[in-house]
Amino acid sequence: MLIRSSAILLAGLALSGPAFAQTTVTRSESVASGKSVRLAIVPNLKKDCSAGPMPEIRVSGAPKNGSLVTKVGKIKTPASYRCPGKDAAVQAVFYEAKANYTGADEVVVDIKDSDGQVQTQTIKITVGPAAAKTGGDAKKEGTDL
């Protein structure tokens, strides 16, 4: 879980440039039909590791074959994160494909972090049968942060 969470944290926060700069990232996820999977998790930490405002997540491209849910919670950042072991408030995005759907889907989210930087993430989703192993970790699957 920590490896996957830190990868998602880093993907969500690997932003560069001046405040309000915008970057774009495209990545892929494999999910099982009818299962809820966390696509992104973003902490409220600024570059200096101090707490900032909650990140803002805006869906600019909704999935055609599933639904998205955003949740707010708290986590302790993983050891590999730039601010390791820090308690942080987070926003997370979860995707769930329609029951029995298999095939392709896509989600586009705009994430504004606590420093005001914006990243657009295009997430290409491959939905497999419900019984298929997706290779994701247990913490990423479901709706828990």
N, C-alpha and C. Protein backbone atom coordinates (compact mmCIF):
# COMPACT_ATOMS: atom_id res chain seq x y z
N MET A 1 0.81 -1.18 0.00
CA MET A 1 0.00 0.00 0.00
C MET A 1 0.86 1.25 0.00
N LEU A 2 1.89 1.28 0.81
CA LEU A 2 2.73 2.47 0.88
C LEU A 2 3.39 2.76 -0.45
N ILE A 3 3.83 1.72 -1.15
CA ILE A 3 4.48 1.95 -2.44
C ILE A 3 3.48 2.53 -3.41
N ARG A 4 2.29 1.95 -3.51
CA ARG A 4 1.28 2.43 -4.45
C ARG A 4 0.80 3.82 -4.05
N SER A 5 0.56 4.04 -2.73
CA SER A 5 0.11 5.34 -2.27
C SER A 5 1.14 6.41 -2.54
N SER A 6 2.41 6.09 -2.31
CA SER A 6 3.43 7.10 -2.55
C SER A 6 3.56 7.39 -4.03
N ALA A 7 3.36 6.37 -4.88
CA ALA A 7 3.40 6.61 -6.32
C ALA A 7 2.27 7.53 -6.74
N ILE A 8 1.10 7.32 -6.17
CA ILE A 8 -0.04 8.17 -6.50
C ILE A 8 0.18 9.57 -5.94
N LEU A 9 0.68 9.65 -4.71
CA LEU A 9 0.98 10.97 -4.13
C LEU A 9 1.97 11.71 -5.01
N LEU A 10 3.02 11.01 -5.42
CA LEU A 10 4.03 11.65 -6.26
C LEU A 10 3.45 12.02 -7.62
N ALA A 11 2.63 11.15 -8.18
CA ALA A 11 2.01 11.46 -9.46
C ALA A 11 1.10 12.69 -9.33
N GLY A 12 0.39 12.78 -8.22
CA GLY A 12 -0.51 13.90 -8.01
C GLY A 12 0.20 15.19 -7.66
N LEU A 13 1.46 15.08 -7.19
CA LEU A 13 2.16 16.28 -6.74
C LEU A 13 3.46 16.55 -7.47
N ALA A 14 3.75 15.83 -8.51
CA ALA A 14 4.99 16.04 -9.25
C ALA A 14 4.82 17.25 -10.17
N LEU A 15 4.59 18.37 -9.55
CA LEU A 15 4.33 19.59 -10.29
C LEU A 15 5.56 20.48 -10.23
N SER A 16 5.85 21.17 -11.32
CA SER A 16 6.98 22.08 -11.32
C SER A 16 6.57 23.41 -11.92
N GLY A 17 7.42 24.40 -11.75
CA GLY A 17 7.14 25.71 -12.30
C GLY A 17 6.56 26.63 -11.25
N PRO A 18 6.25 27.85 -11.64
CA PRO A 18 5.74 28.84 -10.71
C PRO A 18 4.32 28.50 -10.26
N ALA A 19 3.87 29.17 -9.19
CA ALA A 19 2.51 28.96 -8.70
C ALA A 19 1.53 29.16 -9.84
N PHE A 20 0.49 28.38 -9.82
CA PHE A 20 -0.58 28.39 -10.81
C PHE A 20 -0.14 27.83 -12.16
N ALA A 21 1.03 27.23 -12.22
CA ALA A 21 1.45 26.56 -13.45
C ALA A 21 0.59 25.33 -13.63
N GLN A 22 0.42 24.91 -14.87
CA GLN A 22 -0.39 23.73 -15.13
C GLN A 22 0.44 22.70 -15.85
N THR A 23 0.36 21.46 -15.39
CA THR A 23 1.02 20.35 -16.05
C THR A 23 -0.04 19.32 -16.43
N THR A 24 0.33 18.43 -17.34
CA THR A 24 -0.59 17.40 -17.79
C THR A 24 0.11 16.05 -17.69
N VAL A 25 -0.60 15.07 -17.16
CA VAL A 25 -0.08 13.72 -17.00
C VAL A 25 -1.12 12.75 -17.56
N THR A 26 -0.66 11.75 -18.31
CA THR A 26 -1.54 10.68 -18.78
C THR A 26 -1.00 9.38 -18.22
N ARG A 27 -1.90 8.58 -17.64
CA ARG A 27 -1.48 7.29 -17.09
C ARG A 27 -2.61 6.28 -17.26
N SER A 28 -2.30 5.01 -16.97
CA SER A 28 -3.26 3.93 -17.16
C SER A 28 -3.51 3.21 -15.84
N GLU A 29 -4.71 2.67 -15.71
CA GLU A 29 -5.10 1.86 -14.56
C GLU A 29 -5.89 0.66 -15.08
N SER A 30 -5.75 -0.47 -14.40
CA SER A 30 -6.57 -1.65 -14.69
C SER A 30 -7.44 -1.90 -13.47
N VAL A 31 -8.73 -2.11 -13.70
CA VAL A 31 -9.67 -2.31 -12.59
C VAL A 31 -10.60 -3.48 -12.92
N ALA A 32 -11.22 -4.02 -11.89
CA ALA A 32 -12.21 -5.08 -12.07
C ALA A 32 -13.60 -4.48 -12.14
N SER A 33 -14.43 -5.01 -12.99
CA SER A 33 -15.80 -4.54 -13.15
C SER A 33 -16.54 -4.54 -11.81
N GLY A 34 -17.23 -3.45 -11.52
CA GLY A 34 -18.03 -3.35 -10.31
C GLY A 34 -17.26 -3.10 -9.02
N LYS A 35 -15.93 -2.99 -9.09
CA LYS A 35 -15.11 -2.74 -7.89
C LYS A 35 -14.71 -1.28 -7.85
N SER A 36 -14.73 -0.70 -6.66
CA SER A 36 -14.29 0.68 -6.48
C SER A 36 -12.77 0.71 -6.29
N VAL A 37 -12.09 1.60 -7.02
CA VAL A 37 -10.64 1.69 -6.98
C VAL A 37 -10.22 3.16 -6.84
N ARG A 38 -9.25 3.41 -5.96
CA ARG A 38 -8.74 4.77 -5.79
C ARG A 38 -7.84 5.12 -6.97
N LEU A 39 -8.15 6.24 -7.64
CA LEU A 39 -7.35 6.71 -8.76
C LEU A 39 -6.31 7.74 -8.36
N ALA A 40 -6.63 8.56 -7.36
CA ALA A 40 -5.70 9.62 -6.95
C ALA A 40 -5.94 9.98 -5.49
N ILE A 41 -4.88 10.42 -4.84
CA ILE A 41 -4.98 10.90 -3.46
C ILE A 41 -4.01 12.07 -3.35
N VAL A 42 -4.51 13.20 -2.83
CA VAL A 42 -3.73 14.43 -2.80
C VAL A 42 -3.78 15.05 -1.40
N PRO A 43 -2.61 15.23 -0.75
CA PRO A 43 -2.58 15.81 0.59
C PRO A 43 -2.65 17.34 0.55
N ASN A 44 -2.94 17.93 1.71
CA ASN A 44 -3.01 19.39 1.81
C ASN A 44 -1.65 19.99 2.21
N LEU A 45 -0.56 19.35 1.85
CA LEU A 45 0.76 19.83 2.24
C LEU A 45 1.37 20.72 1.17
N LYS A 46 1.95 21.83 1.62
CA LYS A 46 2.66 22.73 0.72
C LYS A 46 4.06 22.17 0.47
N LYS A 47 4.80 22.82 -0.45
CA LYS A 47 6.16 22.37 -0.76
C LYS A 47 7.06 22.38 0.47
N ASP A 48 6.82 23.30 1.41
CA ASP A 48 7.65 23.36 2.62
C ASP A 48 7.15 22.40 3.70
N CYS A 49 6.20 21.54 3.37
CA CYS A 49 5.62 20.51 4.25
C CYS A 49 4.67 21.06 5.31
N SER A 50 4.36 22.34 5.26
CA SER A 50 3.37 22.89 6.18
C SER A 50 1.97 22.61 5.62
N ALA A 51 0.99 22.60 6.50
CA ALA A 51 -0.40 22.37 6.08
C ALA A 51 -0.90 23.57 5.30
N GLY A 52 -1.58 23.31 4.24
CA GLY A 52 -2.17 24.38 3.43
C GLY A 52 -3.65 24.12 3.26
N PRO A 53 -4.27 24.84 2.35
CA PRO A 53 -5.69 24.62 2.09
C PRO A 53 -5.90 23.24 1.46
N MET A 54 -7.11 22.74 1.58
CA MET A 54 -7.43 21.45 0.97
C MET A 54 -7.24 21.55 -0.54
N PRO A 55 -6.70 20.50 -1.14
CA PRO A 55 -6.58 20.49 -2.59
C PRO A 55 -7.98 20.51 -3.21
N GLU A 56 -8.05 21.01 -4.42
CA GLU A 56 -9.32 21.04 -5.14
C GLU A 56 -9.25 20.05 -6.29
N ILE A 57 -10.25 19.20 -6.40
CA ILE A 57 -10.31 18.23 -7.49
C ILE A 57 -11.57 18.51 -8.29
N ARG A 58 -11.39 18.72 -9.60
CA ARG A 58 -12.51 18.99 -10.49
C ARG A 58 -12.49 17.96 -11.61
N VAL A 59 -13.63 17.33 -11.83
CA VAL A 59 -13.74 16.35 -12.91
C VAL A 59 -14.05 17.12 -14.19
N SER A 60 -13.12 17.08 -15.15
CA SER A 60 -13.36 17.77 -16.41
C SER A 60 -13.71 16.79 -17.53
N GLY A 61 -13.57 15.50 -17.26
CA GLY A 61 -13.96 14.46 -18.20
C GLY A 61 -14.48 13.26 -17.43
N ALA A 62 -15.80 13.18 -17.32
CA ALA A 62 -16.42 12.10 -16.53
C ALA A 62 -16.32 10.77 -17.28
N PRO A 63 -16.28 9.67 -16.54
CA PRO A 63 -16.25 8.36 -17.20
C PRO A 63 -17.58 8.07 -17.89
N LYS A 64 -17.53 7.33 -18.99
CA LYS A 64 -18.75 6.97 -19.72
C LYS A 64 -19.33 5.65 -19.24
N ASN A 65 -18.48 4.83 -18.61
CA ASN A 65 -18.91 3.49 -18.24
C ASN A 65 -18.75 3.20 -16.76
N GLY A 66 -18.79 4.25 -15.95
CA GLY A 66 -18.64 4.09 -14.51
C GLY A 66 -18.94 5.41 -13.81
N SER A 67 -18.58 5.46 -12.54
CA SER A 67 -18.84 6.67 -11.76
C SER A 67 -17.63 7.01 -10.90
N LEU A 68 -17.56 8.27 -10.49
CA LEU A 68 -16.49 8.76 -9.62
C LEU A 68 -17.07 9.24 -8.31
N VAL A 69 -16.29 9.06 -7.24
CA VAL A 69 -16.64 9.57 -5.92
C VAL A 69 -15.39 10.23 -5.37
N THR A 70 -15.54 11.41 -4.77
CA THR A 70 -14.41 12.03 -4.08
C THR A 70 -14.66 11.93 -2.58
N LYS A 71 -13.59 11.75 -1.84
CA LYS A 71 -13.68 11.63 -0.38
C LYS A 71 -12.60 12.48 0.26
N VAL A 72 -12.87 12.91 1.47
CA VAL A 72 -11.92 13.66 2.27
C VAL A 72 -11.56 12.79 3.46
N GLY A 73 -10.30 12.80 3.85
CA GLY A 73 -9.86 12.01 4.99
C GLY A 73 -8.50 12.47 5.49
N LYS A 74 -7.87 11.63 6.28
CA LYS A 74 -6.53 11.92 6.81
C LYS A 74 -5.65 10.69 6.62
N ILE A 75 -4.35 10.94 6.33
CA ILE A 75 -3.38 9.86 6.23
C ILE A 75 -2.06 10.33 6.84
N LYS A 76 -1.17 9.40 7.05
CA LYS A 76 0.22 9.70 7.38
C LYS A 76 0.97 9.43 6.09
N THR A 77 1.73 10.41 5.62
CA THR A 77 2.43 10.26 4.35
C THR A 77 3.47 9.15 4.44
N PRO A 78 3.68 8.42 3.34
CA PRO A 78 4.65 7.33 3.34
C PRO A 78 6.09 7.84 3.46
N ALA A 79 6.98 6.95 3.87
CA ALA A 79 8.39 7.30 4.08
C ALA A 79 9.05 7.82 2.80
N SER A 80 8.59 7.37 1.64
CA SER A 80 9.19 7.79 0.37
C SER A 80 8.69 9.14 -0.13
N TYR A 81 7.70 9.71 0.52
CA TYR A 81 7.13 11.00 0.11
C TYR A 81 8.06 12.13 0.52
N ARG A 82 8.01 13.26 -0.17
CA ARG A 82 8.91 14.38 0.13
C ARG A 82 8.74 14.93 1.54
N CYS A 83 7.61 14.72 2.17
CA CYS A 83 7.36 15.09 3.57
C CYS A 83 6.99 13.80 4.31
N PRO A 84 7.97 12.93 4.61
CA PRO A 84 7.65 11.61 5.18
C PRO A 84 7.07 11.66 6.58
N GLY A 85 6.12 10.74 6.84
CA GLY A 85 5.55 10.57 8.17
C GLY A 85 4.74 11.75 8.67
N LYS A 86 4.22 12.55 7.76
CA LYS A 86 3.47 13.75 8.13
C LYS A 86 1.97 13.43 8.10
N ASP A 87 1.25 13.81 9.16
CA ASP A 87 -0.21 13.68 9.14
C ASP A 87 -0.75 14.75 8.20
N ALA A 88 -1.63 14.35 7.31
CA ALA A 88 -2.16 15.29 6.32
C ALA A 88 -3.62 15.01 6.03
N ALA A 89 -4.36 16.06 5.80
CA ALA A 89 -5.72 15.93 5.28
C ALA A 89 -5.57 15.66 3.78
N VAL A 90 -6.43 14.84 3.23
CA VAL A 90 -6.34 14.48 1.81
C VAL A 90 -7.70 14.50 1.15
N GLN A 91 -7.65 14.66 -0.18
CA GLN A 91 -8.81 14.43 -1.04
C GLN A 91 -8.44 13.24 -1.89
N ALA A 92 -9.37 12.34 -2.12
CA ALA A 92 -9.13 11.17 -2.95
C ALA A 92 -10.25 11.01 -3.96
N VAL A 93 -9.92 10.42 -5.11
CA VAL A 93 -10.89 10.15 -6.16
C VAL A 93 -10.96 8.64 -6.36
N PHE A 94 -12.19 8.10 -6.35
CA PHE A 94 -12.42 6.68 -6.55
C PHE A 94 -13.28 6.49 -7.81
N TYR A 95 -12.98 5.42 -8.55
CA TYR A 95 -13.71 5.06 -9.76
C TYR A 95 -14.35 3.69 -9.57
N GLU A 96 -15.57 3.54 -10.06
CA GLU A 96 -16.21 2.23 -10.09
C GLU A 96 -16.91 2.05 -11.43
N ALA A 97 -16.53 0.99 -12.14
CA ALA A 97 -17.16 0.68 -13.43
C ALA A 97 -18.56 0.15 -13.20
N LYS A 98 -19.40 0.30 -14.20
CA LYS A 98 -20.74 -0.28 -14.13
C LYS A 98 -20.62 -1.79 -13.95
N ALA A 99 -21.57 -2.37 -13.23
CA ALA A 99 -21.58 -3.81 -13.02
C ALA A 99 -21.57 -4.54 -14.36
N ASN A 100 -20.74 -5.55 -14.48
CA ASN A 100 -20.62 -6.39 -15.66
C ASN A 100 -20.02 -5.70 -16.88
N TYR A 101 -19.60 -4.44 -16.75
CA TYR A 101 -18.95 -3.77 -17.89
C TYR A 101 -17.50 -4.22 -17.98
N THR A 102 -17.03 -4.49 -19.18
CA THR A 102 -15.61 -4.70 -19.44
C THR A 102 -15.26 -3.90 -20.69
N GLY A 103 -14.07 -3.35 -20.70
CA GLY A 103 -13.63 -2.55 -21.83
C GLY A 103 -12.88 -1.32 -21.35
N ALA A 104 -12.86 -0.31 -22.18
CA ALA A 104 -12.10 0.90 -21.90
C ALA A 104 -12.98 2.00 -21.32
N ASP A 105 -12.39 2.83 -20.50
CA ASP A 105 -13.03 4.02 -19.97
C ASP A 105 -11.94 5.06 -19.77
N GLU A 106 -12.32 6.28 -19.52
CA GLU A 106 -11.34 7.34 -19.32
C GLU A 106 -11.91 8.40 -18.40
N VAL A 107 -11.03 8.97 -17.58
CA VAL A 107 -11.39 10.01 -16.63
C VAL A 107 -10.37 11.12 -16.77
N VAL A 108 -10.83 12.36 -16.70
CA VAL A 108 -9.91 13.51 -16.69
C VAL A 108 -10.25 14.34 -15.46
N VAL A 109 -9.24 14.55 -14.60
CA VAL A 109 -9.42 15.36 -13.39
C VAL A 109 -8.37 16.45 -13.35
N ASP A 110 -8.78 17.62 -12.88
CA ASP A 110 -7.88 18.74 -12.66
C ASP A 110 -7.68 18.85 -11.16
N ILE A 111 -6.41 18.81 -10.74
CA ILE A 111 -6.09 18.84 -9.32
C ILE A 111 -5.30 20.10 -9.02
N LYS A 112 -5.86 20.93 -8.14
CA LYS A 112 -5.16 22.14 -7.69
C LYS A 112 -4.62 21.84 -6.30
N ASP A 113 -3.28 21.84 -6.15
CA ASP A 113 -2.70 21.47 -4.87
C ASP A 113 -2.67 22.66 -3.91
N SER A 114 -2.14 22.43 -2.72
CA SER A 114 -2.12 23.46 -1.67
C SER A 114 -1.24 24.66 -2.00
N ASP A 115 -0.34 24.52 -2.97
CA ASP A 115 0.50 25.64 -3.41
C ASP A 115 -0.12 26.37 -4.60
N GLY A 116 -1.31 25.94 -5.04
CA GLY A 116 -2.00 26.60 -6.14
C GLY A 116 -1.62 26.09 -7.51
N GLN A 117 -0.78 25.06 -7.59
CA GLN A 117 -0.41 24.51 -8.89
C GLN A 117 -1.50 23.55 -9.35
N VAL A 118 -1.73 23.53 -10.66
CA VAL A 118 -2.78 22.71 -11.23
C VAL A 118 -2.16 21.63 -12.12
N GLN A 119 -2.66 20.41 -11.94
CA GLN A 119 -2.24 19.30 -12.79
C GLN A 119 -3.48 18.65 -13.36
N THR A 120 -3.49 18.43 -14.68
CA THR A 120 -4.56 17.71 -15.33
C THR A 120 -4.10 16.27 -15.49
N GLN A 121 -4.87 15.34 -14.96
CA GLN A 121 -4.55 13.92 -15.09
C GLN A 121 -5.59 13.25 -15.97
N THR A 122 -5.13 12.68 -17.08
CA THR A 122 -5.97 11.86 -17.94
C THR A 122 -5.66 10.42 -17.57
N ILE A 123 -6.67 9.71 -17.09
CA ILE A 123 -6.47 8.34 -16.62
C ILE A 123 -7.24 7.40 -17.53
N LYS A 124 -6.48 6.60 -18.30
CA LYS A 124 -7.08 5.62 -19.20
C LYS A 124 -7.28 4.33 -18.41
N ILE A 125 -8.52 3.87 -18.37
CA ILE A 125 -8.90 2.75 -17.51
C ILE A 125 -9.27 1.54 -18.36
N THR A 126 -8.69 0.40 -18.01
CA THR A 126 -9.06 -0.86 -18.62
C THR A 126 -9.84 -1.64 -17.58
N VAL A 127 -11.10 -1.93 -17.90
CA VAL A 127 -11.98 -2.64 -16.97
C VAL A 127 -12.06 -4.10 -17.40
N GLY A 128 -11.68 -4.99 -16.47
CA GLY A 128 -11.73 -6.42 -16.73
C GLY A 128 -12.88 -7.06 -15.98
N PRO A 129 -13.09 -8.36 -16.19
CA PRO A 129 -14.15 -9.08 -15.48
C PRO A 129 -13.96 -8.98 -13.97
N ALA A 130 -15.04 -9.05 -13.22
CA ALA A 130 -15.00 -8.90 -11.77
C ALA A 130 -14.08 -9.90 -11.10
N ALA A 131 -13.98 -11.11 -11.63
CA ALA A 131 -13.15 -12.14 -11.00
C ALA A 131 -11.66 -11.95 -11.32
N ALA A 132 -11.35 -11.09 -12.27
CA ALA A 132 -9.95 -10.91 -12.68
C ALA A 132 -9.13 -10.24 -11.60
N LYS A 133 -7.89 -10.69 -11.46
CA LYS A 133 -6.96 -10.01 -10.55
C LYS A 133 -6.42 -8.81 -11.31
N THR A 134 -6.46 -7.64 -10.67
CA THR A 134 -6.02 -6.43 -11.35
C THR A 134 -4.60 -6.05 -10.99
N GLY A 135 -3.99 -6.73 -10.02
CA GLY A 135 -2.63 -6.43 -9.66
C GLY A 135 -2.50 -5.25 -8.72
N GLY A 136 -3.61 -4.57 -8.39
CA GLY A 136 -3.57 -3.44 -7.47
C GLY A 136 -3.45 -3.94 -6.04
N ASP A 137 -3.09 -3.05 -5.14
CA ASP A 137 -3.01 -3.48 -3.75
C ASP A 137 -4.36 -3.35 -3.08
N ALA A 138 -4.54 -4.06 -1.98
CA ALA A 138 -5.83 -4.11 -1.29
C ALA A 138 -6.26 -2.74 -0.80
N LYS A 139 -5.34 -1.90 -0.37
CA LYS A 139 -5.69 -0.58 0.15
C LYS A 139 -6.25 0.30 -0.96
N LYS A 140 -5.77 0.15 -2.18
CA LYS A 140 -6.24 0.96 -3.28
C LYS A 140 -7.64 0.55 -3.71
N GLU A 141 -7.99 -0.72 -3.54
CA GLU A 141 -9.30 -1.20 -3.90
C GLU A 141 -10.28 -0.93 -2.78
N GLY A 142 -11.50 -0.62 -3.11
CA GLY A 142 -12.49 -0.25 -2.09
C GLY A 142 -12.57 1.26 -1.98
N THR A 143 -13.24 1.72 -0.94
CA THR A 143 -13.42 3.17 -0.81
C THR A 143 -12.68 3.75 0.40
N ASP A 144 -11.86 2.94 1.08
CA ASP A 144 -11.06 3.47 2.18
C ASP A 144 -9.88 4.23 1.63
N LEU A 145 -9.48 5.28 2.35
CA LEU A 145 -8.32 6.04 1.92
C LEU A 145 -7.09 5.22 2.21
